[in-house]
Amino acid sequence: MPFPYIDETRELNEFARKGASGSFIALHDGVTHYELGGNEDATPIVLVHGFSVPYFIFDTTFEFLYNSGFRVLRYDLFGRGLSDRPQLNYDIHLFVRQLKNLLDALQLKKVILLGLSLGGPITASFIEKYPEYVSSHILIDPAGARQIRFSNLLKVGTLPILGELLLGLFGSGSMVKNIASDLFTPELVKPFQERYKIQMQYDGFKRAILSTVRNKMLESFIDVYEQVGKMRKPTLLIWGRQDATVPFEHSEDIVKAIPHIQFRVIENCGHIPHYEKPEEVHPILLEFLERNRS
């Protein structure tokens, strides 16, 4: 019997999704919430978000790329946003399979993958397994170079039963508070938190978060990055200098693993530079994409 998180008061179903933006598609492991738009003749760019913030994290980037003439896909990982929360292990195999099944269902190949935070190991693991699907790779403050330092709440969350109990009693407020550390600019925090909280009302969110931690998704994937580096696919790395979530010094490991990588640093910026400083990041993205356009 699933643990009853008292603040997850709504079931995620067709009624809950009614009127939501984007589209929904039934894949092998459950329904995935996605948005696809732009020039159908252009190379698709696929935006893969991080640990817990759903695809709204790409609002301005999706619009920018769309208006720049690209075809763009973004989606909610299982357990986040309006995608299903299946009763499965939230491990790298689930997330790679979700991406593969979504691309196949939408008949997309030779894509450009952009991985943010936890999207870094997901996209790198996808490339390692399905290199023929991907033409180039973009990483924004990626996890997986080294093990991520857990918050106190997530440290306890690794413990069976006690993790469920404490996350159920104190998890919502703590998670919303901790998500503020993704941003370096204080005035962006409150509206960001308000949008983040929406997904937390649906049954299965905390179970998915706990399973993601317990299935080692916040540990090192450096061996995967090294294998992807040997493929020599065009790769761009962007990192906020003041990242408090995935520390900037982790970038040294990524650069070593992928020696040909193009590396750009965004000053006075936290974990999500494309969200916090789009006026600096979007031109960098466009220059890379134009140079590597198929």
C-alpha atoms as a PDB file:
ATOM      1  CA  MET A   1       0.000   0.000   0.000  1.00  0.00           C
ATOM      2  CA  PRO A   2       1.442   3.418  -0.987  1.00  0.00           C
ATOM      3  CA  PHE A   3       2.385   5.780   1.830  1.00  0.00           C
ATOM      4  CA  PRO A   4      -0.418   8.359   2.328  1.00  0.00           C
ATOM      5  CA  TYR A   5       1.128  11.816   1.899  1.00  0.00           C
ATOM      6  CA  ILE A   6      -1.577  14.024   3.398  1.00  0.00           C
ATOM      7  CA  ASP A   7      -0.970  17.069   1.178  1.00  0.00           C
ATOM      8  CA  GLU A   8      -1.156  15.079  -2.070  1.00  0.00           C
ATOM      9  CA  THR A   9      -4.897  15.553  -2.270  1.00  0.00           C
ATOM     10  CA  ARG A  10      -5.576  15.138  -5.998  1.00  0.00           C
ATOM     11  CA  GLU A  11      -5.340  12.251  -8.417  1.00  0.00           C
ATOM     12  CA  LEU A  12      -3.523  13.016 -11.649  1.00  0.00           C
ATOM     13  CA  ASN A  13      -6.058  12.045 -14.304  1.00  0.00           C
ATOM     14  CA  GLU A  14      -7.830  13.403 -17.377  1.00  0.00           C
ATOM     15  CA  PHE A  15      -9.963  15.706 -15.241  1.00  0.00           C
ATOM     16  CA  ALA A  16      -6.915  17.211 -13.514  1.00  0.00           C
ATOM     17  CA  ARG A  17      -5.209  17.712 -16.874  1.00  0.00           C
ATOM     18  CA  LYS A  18      -8.230  19.318 -18.527  1.00  0.00           C
ATOM     19  CA  GLY A  19      -7.377  22.764 -19.868  1.00  0.00           C
ATOM     20  CA  ALA A  20      -3.629  22.349 -19.339  1.00  0.00           C
ATOM     21  CA  SER A  21      -1.252  23.663 -21.977  1.00  0.00           C
ATOM     22  CA  GLY A  22       0.708  21.211 -24.078  1.00  0.00           C
ATOM     23  CA  SER A  23      -0.260  17.691 -25.089  1.00  0.00           C
ATOM     24  CA  PHE A  24      -0.426  14.231 -23.537  1.00  0.00           C
ATOM     25  CA  ILE A  25       0.655  10.879 -24.912  1.00  0.00           C
ATOM     26  CA  ALA A  26       0.409   7.361 -23.491  1.00  0.00           C
ATOM     27  CA  LEU A  27       3.845   5.707 -23.519  1.00  0.00           C
ATOM     28  CA  HIS A  28       4.943   2.280 -22.293  1.00  0.00           C
ATOM     29  CA  ASP A  29       5.278   3.370 -18.649  1.00  0.00           C
ATOM     30  CA  GLY A  30       2.513   5.964 -18.472  1.00  0.00           C
ATOM     31  CA  VAL A  31       1.162   9.247 -19.804  1.00  0.00           C
ATOM     32  CA  THR A  32       3.734  11.930 -20.605  1.00  0.00           C
ATOM     33  CA  HIS A  33       2.975  15.657 -20.713  1.00  0.00           C
ATOM     34  CA  TYR A  34       4.828  17.414 -23.533  1.00  0.00           C
ATOM     35  CA  GLU A  35       4.858  20.396 -25.872  1.00  0.00           C
ATOM     36  CA  LEU A  36       6.122  20.237 -29.449  1.00  0.00           C
ATOM     37  CA  GLY A  37       6.193  23.194 -31.811  1.00  0.00           C
ATOM     38  CA  GLY A  38       8.103  25.144 -34.390  1.00  0.00           C
ATOM     39  CA  ASN A  39       9.442  24.546 -37.874  1.00  0.00           C
ATOM     40  CA  GLU A  40       8.763  20.924 -38.831  1.00  0.00           C
ATOM     41  CA  ASP A  41      11.625  20.983 -41.326  1.00  0.00           C
ATOM     42  CA  ALA A  42      14.204  22.032 -38.722  1.00  0.00           C
ATOM     43  CA  THR A  43      16.331  19.773 -36.538  1.00  0.00           C
ATOM     44  CA  PRO A  44      14.378  19.050 -33.329  1.00  0.00           C
ATOM     45  CA  ILE A  45      15.795  20.369 -30.053  1.00  0.00           C
ATOM     46  CA  VAL A  46      14.700  18.335 -27.043  1.00  0.00           C
ATOM     47  CA  LEU A  47      14.723  20.045 -23.629  1.00  0.00           C
ATOM     48  CA  VAL A  48      15.125  17.698 -20.635  1.00  0.00           C
ATOM     49  CA  HIS A  49      14.584  19.267 -17.208  1.00  0.00           C
ATOM     50  CA  GLY A  50      16.145  18.374 -13.868  1.00  0.00           C
ATOM     51  CA  PHE A  51      15.438  16.682 -10.540  1.00  0.00           C
ATOM     52  CA  SER A  52      12.070  18.137  -9.560  1.00  0.00           C
ATOM     53  CA  VAL A  53      11.132  21.303 -11.490  1.00  0.00           C
ATOM     54  CA  PRO A  54       8.868  20.409 -14.464  1.00  0.00           C
ATOM     55  CA  TYR A  55       8.969  21.753 -17.982  1.00  0.00           C
ATOM     56  CA  PHE A  56       7.902  25.319 -17.108  1.00  0.00           C
ATOM     57  CA  ILE A  57      11.605  25.806 -16.374  1.00  0.00           C
ATOM     58  CA  PHE A  58      12.013  26.111 -20.159  1.00  0.00           C
ATOM     59  CA  ASP A  59       9.213  28.627 -20.826  1.00  0.00           C
ATOM     60  CA  THR A  60      11.363  31.432 -22.218  1.00  0.00           C
ATOM     61  CA  THR A  61      13.875  29.091 -23.863  1.00  0.00           C
ATOM     62  CA  PHE A  62      11.124  27.165 -25.656  1.00  0.00           C
ATOM     63  CA  GLU A  63       9.650  30.413 -26.950  1.00  0.00           C
ATOM     64  CA  PHE A  64      13.055  31.761 -27.997  1.00  0.00           C
ATOM     65  CA  LEU A  65      14.010  28.638 -29.933  1.00  0.00           C
ATOM     66  CA  TYR A  66      10.537  28.416 -31.481  1.00  0.00           C
ATOM     67  CA  ASN A  67      10.762  32.012 -32.682  1.00  0.00           C
ATOM     68  CA  SER A  68      14.299  31.399 -33.950  1.00  0.00           C
ATOM     69  CA  GLY A  69      13.018  28.863 -36.462  1.00  0.00           C
ATOM     70  CA  PHE A  70      13.750  25.597 -34.673  1.00  0.00           C
ATOM     71  CA  ARG A  71      11.482  22.684 -33.872  1.00  0.00           C
ATOM     72  CA  VAL A  72      11.351  22.321 -30.079  1.00  0.00           C
ATOM     73  CA  LEU A  73      10.170  19.582 -27.737  1.00  0.00           C
ATOM     74  CA  ARG A  74       9.925  19.788 -23.957  1.00  0.00           C
ATOM     75  CA  TYR A  75       8.285  17.308 -21.599  1.00  0.00           C
ATOM     76  CA  ASP A  76       7.748  16.441 -17.944  1.00  0.00           C
ATOM     77  CA  LEU A  77       9.795  13.554 -16.593  1.00  0.00           C
ATOM     78  CA  PHE A  78       7.735  10.827 -14.957  1.00  0.00           C
ATOM     79  CA  GLY A  79       6.814  11.822 -11.413  1.00  0.00           C
ATOM     80  CA  ARG A  80       6.946  15.545 -12.195  1.00  0.00           C
ATOM     81  CA  GLY A  81       4.588  18.161 -13.570  1.00  0.00           C
ATOM     82  CA  LEU A  82       1.576  16.605 -15.284  1.00  0.00           C
ATOM     83  CA  SER A  83       3.251  13.352 -16.348  1.00  0.00           C
ATOM     84  CA  ASP A  84       2.181  10.127 -14.650  1.00  0.00           C
ATOM     85  CA  ARG A  85       3.747   8.884 -11.415  1.00  0.00           C
ATOM     86  CA  PRO A  86       4.045   5.148 -12.233  1.00  0.00           C
ATOM     87  CA  GLN A  87       4.748   2.609  -9.488  1.00  0.00           C
ATOM     88  CA  LEU A  88       8.262   1.882 -10.772  1.00  0.00           C
ATOM     89  CA  ASN A  89      11.873   2.468  -9.830  1.00  0.00           C
ATOM     90  CA  TYR A  90      12.796   6.024 -10.808  1.00  0.00           C
ATOM     91  CA  ASP A  91      16.219   5.092 -12.128  1.00  0.00           C
ATOM     92  CA  ILE A  92      18.254   6.013 -15.184  1.00  0.00           C
ATOM     93  CA  HIS A  93      16.645   3.197 -17.170  1.00  0.00           C
ATOM     94  CA  LEU A  94      13.147   4.619 -16.653  1.00  0.00           C
ATOM     95  CA  PHE A  95      14.137   8.127 -17.730  1.00  0.00           C
ATOM     96  CA  VAL A  96      16.106   6.963 -20.778  1.00  0.00           C
ATOM     97  CA  ARG A  97      13.231   4.699 -21.784  1.00  0.00           C
ATOM     98  CA  GLN A  98      10.744   7.561 -21.425  1.00  0.00           C
ATOM     99  CA  LEU A  99      12.828   9.760 -23.714  1.00  0.00           C
ATOM    100  CA  LYS A 100      13.310   6.976 -26.284  1.00  0.00           C
ATOM    101  CA  ASN A 101       9.608   6.084 -26.304  1.00  0.00           C
ATOM    102  CA  LEU A 102       8.604   9.736 -26.650  1.00  0.00           C
ATOM    103  CA  LEU A 103      10.955  10.368 -29.571  1.00  0.00           C
ATOM    104  CA  ASP A 104       9.745   7.222 -31.308  1.00  0.00           C
ATOM    105  CA  ALA A 105       6.085   8.084 -30.744  1.00  0.00           C
ATOM    106  CA  LEU A 106       6.628  11.565 -32.202  1.00  0.00           C
ATOM    107  CA  GLN A 107       8.851  10.172 -34.986  1.00  0.00           C
ATOM    108  CA  LEU A 108      11.825  12.356 -34.099  1.00  0.00           C
ATOM    109  CA  LYS A 109      15.409  11.373 -34.891  1.00  0.00           C
ATOM    110  CA  LYS A 110      18.748  13.138 -35.253  1.00  0.00           C
ATOM    111  CA  VAL A 111      17.789  15.500 -32.459  1.00  0.00           C
ATOM    112  CA  ILE A 112      19.793  18.000 -30.433  1.00  0.00           C
ATOM    113  CA  LEU A 113      19.529  17.113 -26.746  1.00  0.00           C
ATOM    114  CA  LEU A 114      19.636  19.780 -24.046  1.00  0.00           C
ATOM    115  CA  GLY A 115      19.963  18.464 -20.487  1.00  0.00           C
ATOM    116  CA  LEU A 116      19.535  20.695 -17.454  1.00  0.00           C
ATOM    117  CA  SER A 117      20.832  19.503 -14.072  1.00  0.00           C
ATOM    118  CA  LEU A 118      19.587  15.888 -13.735  1.00  0.00           C
ATOM    119  CA  GLY A 119      18.788  16.138 -17.427  1.00  0.00           C
ATOM    120  CA  GLY A 120      22.567  15.983 -17.917  1.00  0.00           C
ATOM    121  CA  PRO A 121      23.008  12.327 -16.921  1.00  0.00           C
ATOM    122  CA  ILE A 122      19.701  11.454 -18.580  1.00  0.00           C
ATOM    123  CA  THR A 123      20.728  12.905 -21.944  1.00  0.00           C
ATOM    124  CA  ALA A 124      24.290  11.568 -21.677  1.00  0.00           C
ATOM    125  CA  SER A 125      23.016   8.068 -20.835  1.00  0.00           C
ATOM    126  CA  PHE A 126      20.596   8.296 -23.764  1.00  0.00           C
ATOM    127  CA  ILE A 127      23.423   9.231 -26.139  1.00  0.00           C
ATOM    128  CA  GLU A 128      25.578   6.388 -24.830  1.00  0.00           C
ATOM    129  CA  LYS A 129      22.791   3.890 -25.590  1.00  0.00           C
ATOM    130  CA  TYR A 130      21.292   5.467 -28.726  1.00  0.00           C
ATOM    131  CA  PRO A 131      24.023   7.586 -30.366  1.00  0.00           C
ATOM    132  CA  GLU A 132      22.316   7.430 -33.754  1.00  0.00           C
ATOM    133  CA  TYR A 133      19.409   9.530 -32.418  1.00  0.00           C
ATOM    134  CA  VAL A 134      21.515  12.559 -31.460  1.00  0.00           C
ATOM    135  CA  SER A 135      23.479  15.037 -33.568  1.00  0.00           C
ATOM    136  CA  SER A 136      24.739  17.347 -30.794  1.00  0.00           C
ATOM    137  CA  HIS A 137      24.454  17.906 -27.060  1.00  0.00           C
ATOM    138  CA  ILE A 138      23.929  20.867 -24.744  1.00  0.00           C
ATOM    139  CA  LEU A 139      24.469  20.704 -20.975  1.00  0.00           C
ATOM    140  CA  ILE A 140      23.312  23.389 -18.529  1.00  0.00           C
ATOM    141  CA  ASP A 141      24.665  23.056 -14.965  1.00  0.00           C
ATOM    142  CA  PRO A 142      24.553  19.256 -15.296  1.00  0.00           C
ATOM    143  CA  ALA A 143      24.475  16.839 -12.401  1.00  0.00           C
ATOM    144  CA  GLY A 144      26.469  13.626 -12.487  1.00  0.00           C
ATOM    145  CA  ALA A 145      30.067  14.806 -12.490  1.00  0.00           C
ATOM    146  CA  ARG A 146      30.251  14.009  -8.765  1.00  0.00           C
ATOM    147  CA  GLN A 147      27.717  12.914  -6.202  1.00  0.00           C
ATOM    148  CA  ILE A 148      25.340  15.747  -5.328  1.00  0.00           C
ATOM    149  CA  ARG A 149      25.284  16.807  -1.681  1.00  0.00           C
ATOM    150  CA  PHE A 150      21.886  15.914  -0.256  1.00  0.00           C
ATOM    151  CA  SER A 151      19.838  18.297   1.830  1.00  0.00           C
ATOM    152  CA  ASN A 152      19.181  17.003   5.361  1.00  0.00           C
ATOM    153  CA  LEU A 153      15.667  16.048   4.293  1.00  0.00           C
ATOM    154  CA  LEU A 154      16.870  13.961   1.349  1.00  0.00           C
ATOM    155  CA  LYS A 155      19.571  12.327   3.467  1.00  0.00           C
ATOM    156  CA  VAL A 156      16.872  11.021   5.752  1.00  0.00           C
ATOM    157  CA  GLY A 157      14.790  10.221   2.698  1.00  0.00           C
ATOM    158  CA  THR A 158      17.189   7.443   1.761  1.00  0.00           C
ATOM    159  CA  LEU A 159      16.076   5.518   4.861  1.00  0.00           C
ATOM    160  CA  PRO A 160      13.063   3.201   4.384  1.00  0.00           C
ATOM    161  CA  ILE A 161       9.877   4.155   6.265  1.00  0.00           C
ATOM    162  CA  LEU A 162      11.543   7.021   8.148  1.00  0.00           C
ATOM    163  CA  GLY A 163      12.102   8.789   4.835  1.00  0.00           C
ATOM    164  CA  GLU A 164       8.424   8.491   3.908  1.00  0.00           C
ATOM    165  CA  LEU A 165       7.346   9.667   7.352  1.00  0.00           C
ATOM    166  CA  LEU A 166       9.531  12.768   7.496  1.00  0.00           C
ATOM    167  CA  LEU A 167       8.925  13.725   3.873  1.00  0.00           C
ATOM    168  CA  GLY A 168       5.210  13.345   4.493  1.00  0.00           C
ATOM    169  CA  LEU A 169       5.233  15.502   7.619  1.00  0.00           C
ATOM    170  CA  PHE A 170       7.747  18.188   6.656  1.00  0.00           C
ATOM    171  CA  GLY A 171       8.601  17.627   3.010  1.00  0.00           C
ATOM    172  CA  SER A 172       6.387  20.120   1.220  1.00  0.00           C
ATOM    173  CA  GLY A 173       7.523  23.245   3.040  1.00  0.00           C
ATOM    174  CA  SER A 174      11.139  22.151   3.057  1.00  0.00           C
ATOM    175  CA  MET A 175      11.198  21.346  -0.662  1.00  0.00           C
ATOM    176  CA  VAL A 176       9.603  24.644  -1.611  1.00  0.00           C
ATOM    177  CA  LYS A 177      12.071  26.508   0.610  1.00  0.00           C
ATOM    178  CA  ASN A 178      15.090  24.598  -0.714  1.00  0.00           C
ATOM    179  CA  ILE A 179      14.170  25.183  -4.360  1.00  0.00           C
ATOM    180  CA  ALA A 180      15.008  28.863  -3.796  1.00  0.00           C
ATOM    181  CA  SER A 181      18.697  27.922  -3.751  1.00  0.00           C
ATOM    182  CA  ASP A 182      18.501  27.297  -7.516  1.00  0.00           C
ATOM    183  CA  LEU A 183      18.325  31.063  -8.043  1.00  0.00           C
ATOM    184  CA  PHE A 184      20.906  33.766  -7.400  1.00  0.00           C
ATOM    185  CA  THR A 185      18.426  36.610  -8.031  1.00  0.00           C
ATOM    186  CA  PRO A 186      16.130  37.052  -4.974  1.00  0.00           C
ATOM    187  CA  GLU A 187      13.208  38.698  -6.770  1.00  0.00           C
ATOM    188  CA  LEU A 188      12.734  35.624  -8.968  1.00  0.00           C
ATOM    189  CA  VAL A 189      12.310  33.237  -6.035  1.00  0.00           C
ATOM    190  CA  LYS A 190       8.681  33.710  -4.969  1.00  0.00           C
ATOM    191  CA  PRO A 191       7.012  33.370  -8.409  1.00  0.00           C
ATOM    192  CA  PHE A 192       9.280  30.385  -9.095  1.00  0.00           C
ATOM    193  CA  GLN A 193       8.160  28.698  -5.869  1.00  0.00           C
ATOM    194  CA  GLU A 194       4.483  29.359  -6.600  1.00  0.00           C
ATOM    195  CA  ARG A 195       4.706  27.577  -9.933  1.00  0.00           C
ATOM    196  CA  TYR A 196       6.757  24.750  -8.438  1.00  0.00           C
ATOM    197  CA  LYS A 197       4.126  23.998  -5.786  1.00  0.00           C
ATOM    198  CA  ILE A 198       1.361  23.207  -8.285  1.00  0.00           C
ATOM    199  CA  GLN A 199       2.666  19.704  -9.073  1.00  0.00           C
ATOM    200  CA  MET A 200       2.963  18.810  -5.376  1.00  0.00           C
ATOM    201  CA  GLN A 201      -0.794  18.419  -4.895  1.00  0.00           C
ATOM    202  CA  TYR A 202      -0.942  15.335  -7.120  1.00  0.00           C
ATOM    203  CA  ASP A 203      -0.610  11.853  -5.688  1.00  0.00           C
ATOM    204  CA  GLY A 204       2.768  10.216  -6.261  1.00  0.00           C
ATOM    205  CA  PHE A 205       5.061  13.252  -6.410  1.00  0.00           C
ATOM    206  CA  LYS A 206       6.972  12.595  -3.176  1.00  0.00           C
ATOM    207  CA  ARG A 207       7.127   8.869  -3.869  1.00  0.00           C
ATOM    208  CA  ALA A 208       8.787   9.660  -7.188  1.00  0.00           C
ATOM    209  CA  ILE A 209      11.252  12.060  -5.560  1.00  0.00           C
ATOM    210  CA  LEU A 210      12.245   9.490  -2.932  1.00  0.00           C
ATOM    211  CA  SER A 211      12.621   6.769  -5.531  1.00  0.00           C
ATOM    212  CA  THR A 212      14.814   9.027  -7.673  1.00  0.00           C
ATOM    213  CA  VAL A 213      17.191   9.566  -4.749  1.00  0.00           C
ATOM    214  CA  ARG A 214      17.166   5.928  -3.683  1.00  0.00           C
ATOM    215  CA  ASN A 215      17.920   4.771  -7.225  1.00  0.00           C
ATOM    216  CA  LYS A 216      21.207   6.699  -7.266  1.00  0.00           C
ATOM    217  CA  MET A 217      20.175   9.421  -9.726  1.00  0.00           C
ATOM    218  CA  LEU A 218      22.130  12.033  -7.737  1.00  0.00           C
ATOM    219  CA  GLU A 219      25.376  10.053  -7.767  1.00  0.00           C
ATOM    220  CA  SER A 220      28.251  10.210 -10.236  1.00  0.00           C
ATOM    221  CA  PHE A 221      27.737   9.439 -13.930  1.00  0.00           C
ATOM    222  CA  ILE A 222      31.230  10.533 -14.908  1.00  0.00           C
ATOM    223  CA  ASP A 223      31.927   7.243 -16.680  1.00  0.00           C
ATOM    224  CA  VAL A 224      28.927   7.921 -18.933  1.00  0.00           C
ATOM    225  CA  TYR A 225      30.155  11.442 -19.722  1.00  0.00           C
ATOM    226  CA  GLU A 226      33.566   9.978 -20.584  1.00  0.00           C
ATOM    227  CA  GLN A 227      32.031   7.487 -23.002  1.00  0.00           C
ATOM    228  CA  VAL A 228      29.952  10.228 -24.634  1.00  0.00           C
ATOM    229  CA  GLY A 229      33.071  12.404 -24.881  1.00  0.00           C
ATOM    230  CA  LYS A 230      34.755   9.739 -26.994  1.00  0.00           C
ATOM    231  CA  MET A 231      31.950  10.046 -29.563  1.00  0.00           C
ATOM    232  CA  ARG A 232      33.086  13.606 -30.359  1.00  0.00           C
ATOM    233  CA  LYS A 233      29.572  14.944 -30.905  1.00  0.00           C
ATOM    234  CA  PRO A 234      29.422  18.769 -30.836  1.00  0.00           C
ATOM    235  CA  THR A 235      28.799  19.703 -27.201  1.00  0.00           C
ATOM    236  CA  LEU A 236      28.101  22.966 -25.379  1.00  0.00           C
ATOM    237  CA  LEU A 237      28.410  23.409 -21.606  1.00  0.00           C
ATOM    238  CA  ILE A 238      26.885  26.393 -19.777  1.00  0.00           C
ATOM    239  CA  TRP A 239      27.274  26.921 -16.018  1.00  0.00           C
ATOM    240  CA  GLY A 240      26.217  29.585 -13.542  1.00  0.00           C
ATOM    241  CA  ARG A 241      29.236  30.662 -11.504  1.00  0.00           C
ATOM    242  CA  GLN A 242      27.222  30.906  -8.242  1.00  0.00           C
ATOM    243  CA  ASP A 243      25.421  27.572  -8.606  1.00  0.00           C
ATOM    244  CA  ALA A 244      24.572  26.385  -5.069  1.00  0.00           C
ATOM    245  CA  THR A 245      22.871  23.180  -6.249  1.00  0.00           C
ATOM    246  CA  VAL A 246      25.520  21.627  -8.502  1.00  0.00           C
ATOM    247  CA  PRO A 247      28.701  23.491  -7.565  1.00  0.00           C
ATOM    248  CA  PHE A 248      30.659  25.241 -10.294  1.00  0.00           C
ATOM    249  CA  GLU A 249      33.820  23.229  -9.547  1.00  0.00           C
ATOM    250  CA  HIS A 250      32.053  20.131 -10.890  1.00  0.00           C
ATOM    251  CA  SER A 251      32.495  21.695 -14.328  1.00  0.00           C
ATOM    252  CA  GLU A 252      36.174  20.695 -14.210  1.00  0.00           C
ATOM    253  CA  ASP A 253      35.186  17.026 -14.328  1.00  0.00           C
ATOM    254  CA  ILE A 254      32.811  17.520 -17.266  1.00  0.00           C
ATOM    255  CA  VAL A 255      35.426  19.406 -19.270  1.00  0.00           C
ATOM    256  CA  LYS A 256      37.962  16.659 -18.571  1.00  0.00           C
ATOM    257  CA  ALA A 257      35.485  13.955 -19.597  1.00  0.00           C
ATOM    258  CA  ILE A 258      34.510  15.780 -22.820  1.00  0.00           C
ATOM    259  CA  PRO A 259      37.732  17.577 -23.892  1.00  0.00           C
ATOM    260  CA  HIS A 260      36.286  19.067 -27.097  1.00  0.00           C
ATOM    261  CA  ILE A 261      33.398  20.743 -25.226  1.00  0.00           C
ATOM    262  CA  GLN A 262      32.622  24.441 -25.712  1.00  0.00           C
ATOM    263  CA  PHE A 263      32.362  25.934 -22.204  1.00  0.00           C
ATOM    264  CA  ARG A 264      30.646  29.210 -21.292  1.00  0.00           C
ATOM    265  CA  VAL A 265      30.338  30.648 -17.781  1.00  0.00           C
ATOM    266  CA  ILE A 266      27.483  32.923 -16.689  1.00  0.00           C
ATOM    267  CA  GLU A 267      28.524  35.295 -13.905  1.00  0.00           C
ATOM    268  CA  ASN A 268      26.318  36.316 -10.948  1.00  0.00           C
ATOM    269  CA  CYS A 269      23.987  33.434 -11.716  1.00  0.00           C
ATOM    270  CA  GLY A 270      22.774  30.277 -10.010  1.00  0.00           C
ATOM    271  CA  HIS A 271      21.729  26.797 -11.094  1.00  0.00           C
ATOM    272  CA  ILE A 272      19.338  27.704 -13.920  1.00  0.00           C
ATOM    273  CA  PRO A 273      21.098  30.366 -16.023  1.00  0.00           C
ATOM    274  CA  HIS A 274      18.757  30.072 -19.022  1.00  0.00           C
ATOM    275  CA  TYR A 275      15.859  30.966 -16.666  1.00  0.00           C
ATOM    276  CA  GLU A 276      17.697  33.579 -14.626  1.00  0.00           C
ATOM    277  CA  LYS A 277      19.668  35.275 -17.398  1.00  0.00           C
ATOM    278  CA  PRO A 278      18.059  34.378 -20.730  1.00  0.00           C
ATOM    279  CA  GLU A 279      19.442  37.541 -22.324  1.00  0.00           C
ATOM    280  CA  GLU A 280      22.942  36.078 -21.913  1.00  0.00           C
ATOM    281  CA  VAL A 281      22.268  32.387 -22.400  1.00  0.00           C
ATOM    282  CA  HIS A 282      19.959  32.442 -25.413  1.00  0.00           C
ATOM    283  CA  PRO A 283      22.485  34.073 -27.785  1.00  0.00           C
ATOM    284  CA  ILE A 284      25.033  31.434 -26.729  1.00  0.00           C
ATOM    285  CA  LEU A 285      22.543  28.702 -27.530  1.00  0.00           C
ATOM    286  CA  LEU A 286      21.685  30.256 -30.881  1.00  0.00           C
ATOM    287  CA  GLU A 287      25.322  30.619 -31.914  1.00  0.00           C
ATOM    288  CA  PHE A 288      26.010  26.951 -31.093  1.00  0.00           C
ATOM    289  CA  LEU A 289      22.855  25.750 -32.836  1.00  0.00           C
ATOM    290  CA  GLU A 290      23.479  27.799 -35.970  1.00  0.00           C
ATOM    291  CA  ARG A 291      27.043  26.509 -36.184  1.00  0.00           C
ATOM    292  CA  ASN A 292      25.888  22.902 -35.845  1.00  0.00           C
ATOM    293  CA  ARG A 293      22.612  23.123 -37.749  1.00  0.00           C
ATOM    294  CA  SER A 294      22.055  20.025 -39.909  1.00  0.00           C
END
